[in-house]
Amino acid sequence: MRSRHQGPVLLNRLIGEDAFKSVGGDPFIARRLGTLLLASGLERVEVVPGHSPALSSVGAVANFFSARLADVAFTSRVTRRGWIIEPVV
């Protein structure tokens, strides 16, 4: 079943993953951070969900997405990875 929010959610994931991967980062490290900190020897680790106030602004997110989609280097990378079929013109 498809949600009416599926497109924006996939776009958000695509742009977020690319932002990290394009510089060699791991976009999913936050999910493992508590476990990694405990494994490193830290004893008092508290993991709580949170959100970014910057991402709560629809205008700011829309501006960021628009800029990314207009970036030729970005569209070339995601096309090469098979995440989109052809560059956005």
Protein backbone atom coordinates (compact mmCIF):
# COMPACT_ATOMS: atom_id res chain seq x y z
CA MET A 1 0.00 0.00 0.00
CA ARG A 2 1.39 3.39 -0.96
CA SER A 3 1.12 6.41 1.25
CA ARG A 4 0.59 9.90 -0.10
CA HIS A 5 3.75 10.78 1.82
CA GLN A 6 5.88 8.11 0.16
CA GLY A 7 7.47 10.48 -2.39
CA PRO A 8 8.66 13.09 0.12
CA VAL A 9 9.87 10.38 2.50
CA LEU A 10 11.91 8.70 -0.25
CA LEU A 11 13.30 12.03 -1.42
CA ASN A 12 14.32 12.89 2.14
CA ARG A 13 16.07 9.54 2.50
CA LEU A 14 17.78 9.86 -0.87
CA ILE A 15 19.13 13.35 -0.17
CA GLY A 16 20.13 12.51 3.39
CA GLU A 17 21.93 9.33 2.45
CA ASP A 18 23.75 11.07 -0.39
CA ALA A 19 24.86 13.93 1.86
CA PHE A 20 26.62 11.47 4.17
CA LYS A 21 27.84 8.95 1.59
CA SER A 22 29.27 11.59 -0.75
CA VAL A 23 31.84 12.48 1.92
CA GLY A 24 32.40 8.90 3.12
CA GLY A 25 30.07 9.12 6.11
CA ASP A 26 27.50 6.70 7.53
CA PRO A 27 23.93 8.08 7.41
CA PHE A 28 22.71 5.46 9.88
CA ILE A 29 25.27 5.80 12.66
CA ALA A 30 22.75 7.39 15.03
CA ARG A 31 20.82 4.12 15.19
CA ARG A 32 23.92 2.32 16.42
CA LEU A 33 25.51 5.08 18.47
CA GLY A 34 24.33 3.86 21.89
CA THR A 35 25.65 0.36 21.24
CA LEU A 36 28.93 1.69 19.87
CA LEU A 37 29.46 3.94 22.90
CA LEU A 38 28.75 1.08 25.32
CA ALA A 39 31.10 -1.21 23.36
CA SER A 40 33.83 1.43 23.61
CA GLY A 41 33.74 1.16 27.39
CA LEU A 42 31.41 3.99 28.40
CA GLU A 43 29.15 2.91 31.24
CA ARG A 44 26.47 5.58 31.47
CA VAL A 45 24.92 5.98 28.02
CA GLU A 46 21.39 7.30 27.67
CA VAL A 47 19.78 7.07 24.25
CA VAL A 48 16.61 9.06 23.60
CA PRO A 49 14.82 9.94 20.35
CA GLY A 50 14.96 13.51 19.19
CA HIS A 51 14.40 15.72 16.20
CA SER A 52 16.08 18.59 14.46
CA PRO A 53 14.31 21.95 14.83
CA ALA A 54 15.79 22.92 11.46
CA LEU A 55 13.97 20.02 9.82
CA SER A 56 10.68 21.14 11.37
CA SER A 57 10.56 24.13 9.03
CA VAL A 58 8.78 23.11 5.82
CA GLY A 59 10.21 26.14 4.00
CA ALA A 60 13.78 25.38 5.03
CA VAL A 61 13.48 21.73 4.01
CA ALA A 62 11.88 22.66 0.67
CA ASN A 63 14.68 25.14 -0.05
CA PHE A 64 17.31 22.54 0.80
CA PHE A 65 15.67 19.87 -1.38
CA SER A 66 15.30 22.30 -4.30
CA ALA A 67 18.96 23.25 -4.08
CA ARG A 68 20.06 19.60 -3.98
CA LEU A 69 17.90 18.66 -6.97
CA ALA A 70 19.38 21.55 -8.94
CA ASP A 71 22.94 20.41 -8.13
CA VAL A 72 24.38 18.56 -11.14
CA ALA A 73 26.94 16.69 -9.01
CA PHE A 74 24.16 15.39 -6.75
CA THR A 75 21.91 14.24 -9.59
CA SER A 76 24.88 12.58 -11.30
CA ARG A 77 25.77 10.64 -8.11
CA VAL A 78 22.25 9.43 -7.40
CA THR A 79 21.74 8.49 -11.05
CA ARG A 80 25.00 6.52 -11.02
CA ARG A 81 23.87 4.73 -7.85
CA GLY A 82 20.55 3.86 -9.50
CA TRP A 83 18.50 5.86 -6.99
CA ILE A 84 16.83 7.85 -9.76
CA ILE A 85 16.49 7.01 -13.42
CA GLU A 86 17.79 10.20 -15.00
CA PRO A 87 19.12 13.56 -13.81
CA VAL A 88 16.57 16.22 -12.96
CA VAL A 89 16.87 19.04 -15.47
